């Protein structure tokens, strides 16, 4: 879905096709890293994650490593032409420190890019407003994140934090991701339909740990809450959306200096 949002692009940063080395932090299933390695066959691509869920059959220029990005990095300084982060909200304790480590590991003239969603559901026509379950769902996660010390609103602060880490020429783009196919534009109608499928099928997986382990809700309470949220998501009269932010920036200097 993110590729559709970015007009069939894997990234927005103005990197060269001939870059030598790239890092994908929190690679997950590795799909993005695989596509990036295919698109940049001359680059060495490393994908890191704490879970070994990546495929074994991958492009020859790609390797996956089991690694926790929150621990001390073992990569050399000035090592990567491009560092990519996607959809890690609620997973990182200290974003400023992560960005600082990424800055050290980026070559002069290299880029970092971070795509993440803002968990706050809203609408422009008042169909999703404060007090509605879609709006309040977001507040539940934001509150749980504060309890865990892991923010679900990193997308709101990424630009400032990247600049504070030392990156320059930082660009931020925000996209409204519709819930369902209510937008008239064919591109966003398709994205909305995919998003609705993603949300309704993955709702329990997204919420169970937070509601049960962090907030201490009982099983019946969780199921009633999830059923109400699914009903709201499927309500065609609600024109809800949430923002996705893409932020990229450059490390000062150049690789030839």
Foldseek 3Di string as FASTA:
>chain_A
DVCLVVVNDLADDPDDLAWAEEEEEQCDQVPSVQVNCVSNVNYQYEYEHCDPNYDPDGRPSYDYDHDDLQDDDPAAFQAGQEYEYEACALPHLDVLVSLLNVLRNHHAFGKYKYKYWQQAKDDDPPLDDPPALSRVVSVLVQVLSVQVNTGNGVLVCVQVSNVVSAFPPKDKDKDWQWQAQQDPPPSNSVSNNVNVVCCLVCVCVVPVCSVCVRVNDDPVVVVVSSVSVNVVSPPSVRGMTTMMMMMMTGHHDDNVD
